[in-house]
Amino acid sequence: LMVPFQVTLVPVFLTLFHLGWLNSYQGLIIPRAT
């Protein structure tokens, strides 16, 4: 809870890029599912 969301934004974006999940529902939903 003490880690701002913006700190993890770039690593999560790169992960989604390599998975090919950009512009997809799974890319929108799964990183925010907890």
All heavy atoms as atom14 arrays in JSON, in Angstrom:
{
  "sequence": "LMVPFQVTLVPVFLTLFHLGWLNSYQGLIIPRAT",
  "atom14_mask": [
    [1, 1, 1, 1, 1, 1, 1, 1, 0, 0, 0, 0, 0, 0],
    [1, 1, 1, 1, 1, 1, 1, 1, 0, 0, 0, 0, 0, 0],
    [1, 1, 1, 1, 1, 1, 1, 0, 0, 0, 0, 0, 0, 0],
    [1, 1, 1, 1, 1, 1, 1, 0, 0, 0, 0, 0, 0, 0],
    [1, 1, 1, 1, 1, 1, 1, 1, 1, 1, 1, 0, 0, 0],
    [1, 1, 1, 1, 1, 1, 1, 1, 1, 0, 0, 0, 0, 0],
    [1, 1, 1, 1, 1, 1, 1, 0, 0, 0, 0, 0, 0, 0],
    [1, 1, 1, 1, 1, 1, 1, 0, 0, 0, 0, 0, 0, 0],
    [1, 1, 1, 1, 1, 1, 1, 1, 0, 0, 0, 0, 0, 0],
    [1, 1, 1, 1, 1, 1, 1, 0, 0, 0, 0, 0, 0, 0],
    [1, 1, 1, 1, 1, 1, 1, 0, 0, 0, 0, 0, 0, 0],
    [1, 1, 1, 1, 1, 1, 1, 0, 0, 0, 0, 0, 0, 0],
    [1, 1, 1, 1, 1, 1, 1, 1, 1, 1, 1, 0, 0, 0],
    [1, 1, 1, 1, 1, 1, 1, 1, 0, 0, 0, 0, 0, 0],
    [1, 1, 1, 1, 1, 1, 1, 0, 0, 0, 0, 0, 0, 0],
    [1, 1, 1, 1, 1, 1, 1, 1, 0, 0, 0, 0, 0, 0],
    [1, 1, 1, 1, 1, 1, 1, 1, 1, 1, 1, 0, 0, 0],
    [1, 1, 1, 1, 1, 1, 1, 1, 1, 1, 0, 0, 0, 0],
    [1, 1, 1, 1, 1, 1, 1, 1, 0, 0, 0, 0, 0, 0],
    [1, 1, 1, 1, 0, 0, 0, 0, 0, 0, 0, 0, 0, 0],
    [1, 1, 1, 1, 1, 1, 1, 1, 1, 1, 1, 1, 1, 1],
    [1, 1, 1, 1, 1, 1, 1, 1, 0, 0, 0, 0, 0, 0],
    [1, 1, 1, 1, 1, 1, 1, 1, 0, 0, 0, 0, 0, 0],
    [1, 1, 1, 1, 1, 1, 0, 0, 0, 0, 0, 0, 0, 0],
    [1, 1, 1, 1, 1, 1, 1, 1, 1, 1, 1, 1, 0, 0],
    [1, 1, 1, 1, 1, 1, 1, 1, 1, 0, 0, 0, 0, 0],
    [1, 1, 1, 1, 0, 0, 0, 0, 0, 0, 0, 0, 0, 0],
    [1, 1, 1, 1, 1, 1, 1, 1, 0, 0, 0, 0, 0, 0],
    [1, 1, 1, 1, 1, 1, 1, 1, 0, 0, 0, 0, 0, 0],
    [1, 1, 1, 1, 1, 1, 1, 1, 0, 0, 0, 0, 0, 0],
    [1, 1, 1, 1, 1, 1, 1, 0, 0, 0, 0, 0, 0, 0],
    [1, 1, 1, 1, 1, 1, 1, 1, 1, 1, 1, 0, 0, 0],
    [1, 1, 1, 1, 1, 0, 0, 0, 0, 0, 0, 0, 0, 0],
    [1, 1, 1, 1, 1, 1, 1, 0, 0, 0, 0, 0, 0, 0]
  ],
  "atom14_positions": [
    [[0.82, -1.22, 0.0], [0.0, 0.0, 0.0], [0.85, 1.26, 0.0], [0.38, 2.33, -0.41], [-0.93, 0.0, 1.22], [-2.06, -1.02, 1.24], [-2.78, -0.99, 2.58], [-3.05, -0.74, 0.11], [0.0, 0.0, 0.0], [0.0, 0.0, 0.0], [0.0, 0.0, 0.0], [0.0, 0.0, 0.0], [0.0, 0.0, 0.0], [0.0, 0.0, 0.0]],
    [[2.09, 1.14, 0.45], [2.98, 2.32, 0.51], [3.73, 2.54, -0.79], [4.49, 3.5, -0.9], [3.96, 2.16, 1.67], [3.3, 2.14, 3.03], [4.47, 2.0, 4.4], [5.0, 0.3, 4.2], [0.0, 0.0, 0.0], [0.0, 0.0, 0.0], [0.0, 0.0, 0.0], [0.0, 0.0, 0.0], [0.0, 0.0, 0.0], [0.0, 0.0, 0.0]],
    [[3.55, 1.64, -1.77], [4.23, 1.77, -3.06], [3.27, 2.45, -4.03], [2.21, 1.9, -4.35], [4.66, 0.4, -3.61], [5.36, 0.56, -4.96], [5.57, -0.3, -2.61], [0.0, 0.0, 0.0], [0.0, 0.0, 0.0], [0.0, 0.0, 0.0], [0.0, 0.0, 0.0], [0.0, 0.0, 0.0], [0.0, 0.0, 0.0], [0.0, 0.0, 0.0]],
    [[3.57, 3.64, -4.52], [2.67, 4.31, -5.47], [2.53, 3.5, -6.75], [3.45, 2.82, -7.2], [3.37, 5.66, -5.73], [4.32, 5.84, -4.6], [4.74, 4.47, -4.18], [0.0, 0.0, 0.0], [0.0, 0.0, 0.0], [0.0, 0.0, 0.0], [0.0, 0.0, 0.0], [0.0, 0.0, 0.0], [0.0, 0.0, 0.0], [0.0, 0.0, 0.0]],
    [[1.33, 3.57, -7.32], [1.06, 2.83, -8.55], [1.96, 3.3, -9.69], [2.34, 2.5, -10.56], [-0.41, 3.01, -8.92], [-0.77, 2.41, -10.25], [-0.8, 1.04, -10.42], [-1.06, 3.22, -11.33], [-1.13, 0.48, -11.65], [-1.39, 2.68, -12.56], [-1.43, 1.31, -12.72], [0.0, 0.0, 0.0], [0.0, 0.0, 0.0], [0.0, 0.0, 0.0]],
    [[2.32, 4.57, -9.69], [3.15, 5.09, -10.79], [4.54, 4.47, -10.8], [5.2, 4.45, -11.83], [3.26, 6.62, -10.66], [1.98, 7.36, -10.95], [1.0, 7.32, -9.8], [1.32, 6.83, -8.71], [-0.2, 7.83, -10.0], [0.0, 0.0, 0.0], [0.0, 0.0, 0.0], [0.0, 0.0, 0.0], [0.0, 0.0, 0.0], [0.0, 0.0, 0.0]],
    [[5.01, 3.98, -9.63], [6.34, 3.37, -9.57], [6.38, 2.07, -10.38], [7.38, 1.75, -11.03], [6.73, 3.11, -8.1], [8.03, 2.33, -8.0], [6.84, 4.44, -7.35], [0.0, 0.0, 0.0], [0.0, 0.0, 0.0], [0.0, 0.0, 0.0], [0.0, 0.0, 0.0], [0.0, 0.0, 0.0], [0.0, 0.0, 0.0], [0.0, 0.0, 0.0]],
    [[5.31, 1.32, -10.34], [5.26, 0.03, -11.05], [4.68, 0.16, -12.46], [4.55, -0.86, -13.16], [4.41, -0.96, -10.26], [3.07, -0.47, -10.14], [4.99, -1.16, -8.86], [0.0, 0.0, 0.0], [0.0, 0.0, 0.0], [0.0, 0.0, 0.0], [0.0, 0.0, 0.0], [0.0, 0.0, 0.0], [0.0, 0.0, 0.0], [0.0, 0.0, 0.0]],
    [[4.35, 1.36, -12.88], [3.68, 1.53, -14.18], [4.56, 1.09, -15.34], [4.12, 0.34, -16.22], [3.24, 2.98, -14.34], [2.4, 3.31, -15.58], [1.11, 2.51, -15.56], [2.11, 4.8, -15.62], [0.0, 0.0, 0.0], [0.0, 0.0, 0.0], [0.0, 0.0, 0.0], [0.0, 0.0, 0.0], [0.0, 0.0, 0.0], [0.0, 0.0, 0.0]],
    [[5.81, 1.54, -15.35], [6.7, 1.22, -16.47], [7.03, -0.28, -16.52], [6.93, -0.9, -17.6], [7.99, 2.07, -16.4], [8.99, 1.62, -17.46], [7.65, 3.55, -16.57], [0.0, 0.0, 0.0], [0.0, 0.0, 0.0], [0.0, 0.0, 0.0], [0.0, 0.0, 0.0], [0.0, 0.0, 0.0], [0.0, 0.0, 0.0], [0.0, 0.0, 0.0]],
    [[7.41, -0.94, -15.41], [7.67, -2.39, -15.5], [6.44, -3.19, -15.94], [6.57, -4.13, -16.74], [8.08, -2.76, -14.07], [8.58, -1.49, -13.48], [7.76, -0.41, -14.09], [0.0, 0.0, 0.0], [0.0, 0.0, 0.0], [0.0, 0.0, 0.0], [0.0, 0.0, 0.0], [0.0, 0.0, 0.0], [0.0, 0.0, 0.0], [0.0, 0.0, 0.0]],
    [[5.26, -2.82, -15.45], [4.06, -3.54, -15.86], [3.76, -3.29, -17.34], [3.39, -4.22, -18.08], [2.86, -3.11, -14.99], [1.57, -3.74, -15.51], [3.1, -3.54, -13.55], [0.0, 0.0, 0.0], [0.0, 0.0, 0.0], [0.0, 0.0, 0.0], [0.0, 0.0, 0.0], [0.0, 0.0, 0.0], [0.0, 0.0, 0.0], [0.0, 0.0, 0.0]],
    [[3.98, -2.07, -17.8], [3.76, -1.77, -19.22], [4.7, -2.59, -20.11], [4.28, -3.13, -21.14], [3.95, -0.28, -19.47], [3.85, 0.11, -20.91], [2.61, 0.31, -21.51], [5.0, 0.27, -21.69], [2.52, 0.66, -22.85], [4.91, 0.63, -23.02], [3.67, 0.82, -23.6], [0.0, 0.0, 0.0], [0.0, 0.0, 0.0], [0.0, 0.0, 0.0]],
    [[5.97, -2.69, -19.72], [6.92, -3.48, -20.5], [6.54, -4.96, -20.5], [6.67, -5.65, -21.53], [8.33, -3.3, -19.95], [8.92, -1.89, -20.1], [10.29, -1.82, -19.43], [9.02, -1.5, -21.57], [0.0, 0.0, 0.0], [0.0, 0.0, 0.0], [0.0, 0.0, 0.0], [0.0, 0.0, 0.0], [0.0, 0.0, 0.0], [0.0, 0.0, 0.0]],
    [[6.05, -5.45, -19.37], [5.61, -6.85, -19.31], [4.44, -7.08, -20.26], [4.42, -8.08, -21.01], [5.21, -7.21, -17.87], [6.31, -6.98, -17.0], [4.79, -8.67, -17.79], [0.0, 0.0, 0.0], [0.0, 0.0, 0.0], [0.0, 0.0, 0.0], [0.0, 0.0, 0.0], [0.0, 0.0, 0.0], [0.0, 0.0, 0.0], [0.0, 0.0, 0.0]],
    [[3.47, -6.19, -20.26], [2.34, -6.33, -21.16], [2.76, -6.21, -22.62], [2.21, -6.89, -23.5], [1.28, -5.27, -20.84], [0.62, -5.36, -19.46], [-0.39, -4.22, -19.28], [-0.07, -6.7, -19.27], [0.0, 0.0, 0.0], [0.0, 0.0, 0.0], [0.0, 0.0, 0.0], [0.0, 0.0, 0.0], [0.0, 0.0, 0.0], [0.0, 0.0, 0.0]],
    [[3.75, -5.37, -22.88], [4.25, -5.21, -24.25], [4.86, -6.51, -24.76], [4.59, -6.95, -25.89], [5.26, -4.07, -24.3], [5.94, -3.94, -25.63], [5.3, -3.38, -26.72], [7.25, -4.4, -25.81], [5.93, -3.26, -27.96], [7.89, -4.29, -27.03], [7.23, -3.72, -28.11], [0.0, 0.0, 0.0], [0.0, 0.0, 0.0], [0.0, 0.0, 0.0]],
    [[5.68, -7.16, -23.94], [6.31, -8.41, -24.36], [5.3, -9.56, -24.45], [5.5, -10.5, -25.23], [7.45, -8.78, -23.41], [8.62, -7.85, -23.49], [9.41, -7.73, -24.62], [9.14, -6.97, -22.59], [10.37, -6.84, -24.41], [10.23, -6.37, -23.18], [0.0, 0.0, 0.0], [0.0, 0.0, 0.0], [0.0, 0.0, 0.0], [0.0, 0.0, 0.0]],
    [[4.24, -9.49, -23.67], [3.2, -10.51, -23.76], [2.24, -10.26, -24.91], [1.44, -11.14, -25.26], [2.4, -10.57, -22.45], [3.12, -11.11, -21.21], [2.24, -10.96, -19.98], [3.51, -12.57, -21.41], [0.0, 0.0, 0.0], [0.0, 0.0, 0.0], [0.0, 0.0, 0.0], [0.0, 0.0, 0.0], [0.0, 0.0, 0.0], [0.0, 0.0, 0.0]],
    [[2.31, -9.08, -25.5], [1.38, -8.74, -26.58], [-0.02, -8.44, -26.09], [-1.0, -8.66, -26.82], [0.0, 0.0, 0.0], [0.0, 0.0, 0.0], [0.0, 0.0, 0.0], [0.0, 0.0, 0.0], [0.0, 0.0, 0.0], [0.0, 0.0, 0.0], [0.0, 0.0, 0.0], [0.0, 0.0, 0.0], [0.0, 0.0, 0.0], [0.0, 0.0, 0.0]],
    [[-0.13, -7.92, -24.87], [-1.44, -7.66, -24.27], [-1.85, -6.2, -24.31], [-2.87, -5.84, -23.72], [-1.45, -8.13, -22.82], [-1.52, -9.62, -22.68], [-1.52, -10.54, -23.69], [-1.63, -10.35, -21.45], [-1.6, -11.8, -23.18], [-1.68, -11.73, -21.81], [-1.67, -10.0, -20.11], [-1.78, -12.73, -20.86], [-1.78, -10.99, -19.16], [-1.84, -12.35, -19.53]],
    [[-1.1, -5.35, -24.99], [-1.54, -3.97, -25.13], [-2.76, -3.91, -26.03], [-2.91, -4.72, -26.95], [-0.41, -3.11, -25.7], [0.87, -3.0, -24.84], [1.9, -2.15, -25.55], [0.55, -2.43, -23.46], [0.0, 0.0, 0.0], [0.0, 0.0, 0.0], [0.0, 0.0, 0.0], [0.0, 0.0, 0.0], [0.0, 0.0, 0.0], [0.0, 0.0, 0.0]],
    [[-3.65, -2.95, -25.77], [-4.9, -2.81, -26.51], [-5.74, -4.09, -26.44], [-6.25, -4.58, -27.46], [-4.64, -2.43, -27.97], [-4.09, -1.04, -28.13], [-4.64, -0.08, -27.6], [-2.97, -0.91, -28.82], [0.0, 0.0, 0.0], [0.0, 0.0, 0.0], [0.0, 0.0, 0.0], [0.0, 0.0, 0.0], [0.0, 0.0, 0.0], [0.0, 0.0, 0.0]],
    [[-5.84, -4.65, -25.25], [-6.64, -5.86, -25.06], [-7.3, -5.82, -23.69], [-6.86, -5.1, -22.78], [-5.76, -7.12, -25.18], [-4.81, -7.16, -24.13], [0.0, 0.0, 0.0], [0.0, 0.0, 0.0], [0.0, 0.0, 0.0], [0.0, 0.0, 0.0], [0.0, 0.0, 0.0], [0.0, 0.0, 0.0], [0.0, 0.0, 0.0], [0.0, 0.0, 0.0]],
    [[-8.37, -6.61, -23.55], [-9.07, -6.66, -22.27], [-8.21, -7.29, -21.18], [-8.24, -6.85, -20.02], [-10.38, -7.42, -22.41], [-11.46, -6.66, -23.15], [-12.16, -7.25, -24.2], [-11.77, -5.36, -22.8], [-13.16, -6.56, -24.88], [-12.75, -4.65, -23.47], [-13.45, -5.27, -24.52], [-14.42, -4.56, -25.18], [0.0, 0.0, 0.0], [0.0, 0.0, 0.0]],
    [[-7.47, -8.33, -21.53], [-6.63, -8.95, -20.5], [-5.54, -8.01, -20.02], [-5.15, -8.03, -18.84], [-6.01, -10.26, -21.01], [-5.1, -10.13, -22.21], [-5.82, -10.34, -23.52], [-7.02, -10.06, -23.6], [-5.11, -10.84, -24.52], [0.0, 0.0, 0.0], [0.0, 0.0, 0.0], [0.0, 0.0, 0.0], [0.0, 0.0, 0.0], [0.0, 0.0, 0.0]],
    [[-5.04, -7.16, -20.91], [-4.06, -6.17, -20.48], [-4.65, -5.13, -19.55], [-3.97, -4.63, -18.65], [0.0, 0.0, 0.0], [0.0, 0.0, 0.0], [0.0, 0.0, 0.0], [0.0, 0.0, 0.0], [0.0, 0.0, 0.0], [0.0, 0.0, 0.0], [0.0, 0.0, 0.0], [0.0, 0.0, 0.0], [0.0, 0.0, 0.0], [0.0, 0.0, 0.0]],
    [[-5.92, -4.79, -19.75], [-6.58, -3.84, -18.87], [-6.93, -4.46, -17.51], [-6.79, -3.8, -16.47], [-7.87, -3.33, -19.52], [-7.74, -2.28, -20.63], [-9.07, -2.09, -21.32], [-7.27, -0.94, -20.05], [0.0, 0.0, 0.0], [0.0, 0.0, 0.0], [0.0, 0.0, 0.0], [0.0, 0.0, 0.0], [0.0, 0.0, 0.0], [0.0, 0.0, 0.0]],
    [[-7.36, -5.71, -17.51], [-7.97, -6.29, -16.31], [-6.96, -6.96, -15.4], [-6.92, -6.7, -14.18], [-9.07, -7.3, -16.74], [-10.22, -6.56, -17.41], [-9.56, -8.09, -15.53], [-11.28, -7.46, -17.98], [0.0, 0.0, 0.0], [0.0, 0.0, 0.0], [0.0, 0.0, 0.0], [0.0, 0.0, 0.0], [0.0, 0.0, 0.0], [0.0, 0.0, 0.0]],
    [[-6.11, -7.85, -15.92], [-5.3, -8.73, -15.08], [-4.35, -7.95, -14.16], [-4.25, -8.29, -12.96], [-4.54, -9.73, -15.96], [-5.53, -10.7, -16.6], [-3.48, -10.5, -15.16], [-4.92, -11.74, -17.5], [0.0, 0.0, 0.0], [0.0, 0.0, 0.0], [0.0, 0.0, 0.0], [0.0, 0.0, 0.0], [0.0, 0.0, 0.0], [0.0, 0.0, 0.0]],
    [[-3.63, -6.92, -14.61], [-2.75, -6.22, -13.66], [-3.49, -5.5, -12.52], [-2.87, -5.16, -11.52], [-2.01, -5.2, -14.55], [-2.08, -5.78, -15.92], [-3.41, -6.45, -15.99], [0.0, 0.0, 0.0], [0.0, 0.0, 0.0], [0.0, 0.0, 0.0], [0.0, 0.0, 0.0], [0.0, 0.0, 0.0], [0.0, 0.0, 0.0], [0.0, 0.0, 0.0]],
    [[-4.79, -5.29, -12.66], [-5.57, -4.6, -11.62], [-6.49, -5.55, -10.87], [-7.4, -5.11, -10.17], [-6.41, -3.48, -12.25], [-5.63, -2.51, -13.12], [-4.61, -1.73, -12.3], [-5.21, -0.99, -11.22], [-5.72, 0.23, -11.36], [-5.7, 0.84, -12.53], [-6.25, 0.85, -10.32], [0.0, 0.0, 0.0], [0.0, 0.0, 0.0], [0.0, 0.0, 0.0]],
    [[-6.28, -6.86, -10.99], [-7.24, -7.86, -10.49], [-7.06, -8.17, -9.01], [-7.75, -9.06, -8.51], [-7.15, -9.14, -11.31], [0.0, 0.0, 0.0], [0.0, 0.0, 0.0], [0.0, 0.0, 0.0], [0.0, 0.0, 0.0], [0.0, 0.0, 0.0], [0.0, 0.0, 0.0], [0.0, 0.0, 0.0], [0.0, 0.0, 0.0], [0.0, 0.0, 0.0]],
    [[-6.16, -7.53, -8.33], [-6.02, -7.7, -6.89], [-5.81, -6.33, -6.24], [-5.38, -5.39, -6.9], [-4.84, -8.62, -6.52], [-3.63, -8.08, -7.07], [-5.05, -10.03, -7.04], [0.0, 0.0, 0.0], [0.0, 0.0, 0.0], [0.0, 0.0, 0.0], [0.0, 0.0, 0.0], [0.0, 0.0, 0.0], [0.0, 0.0, 0.0], [0.0, 0.0, 0.0]]
  ]
}
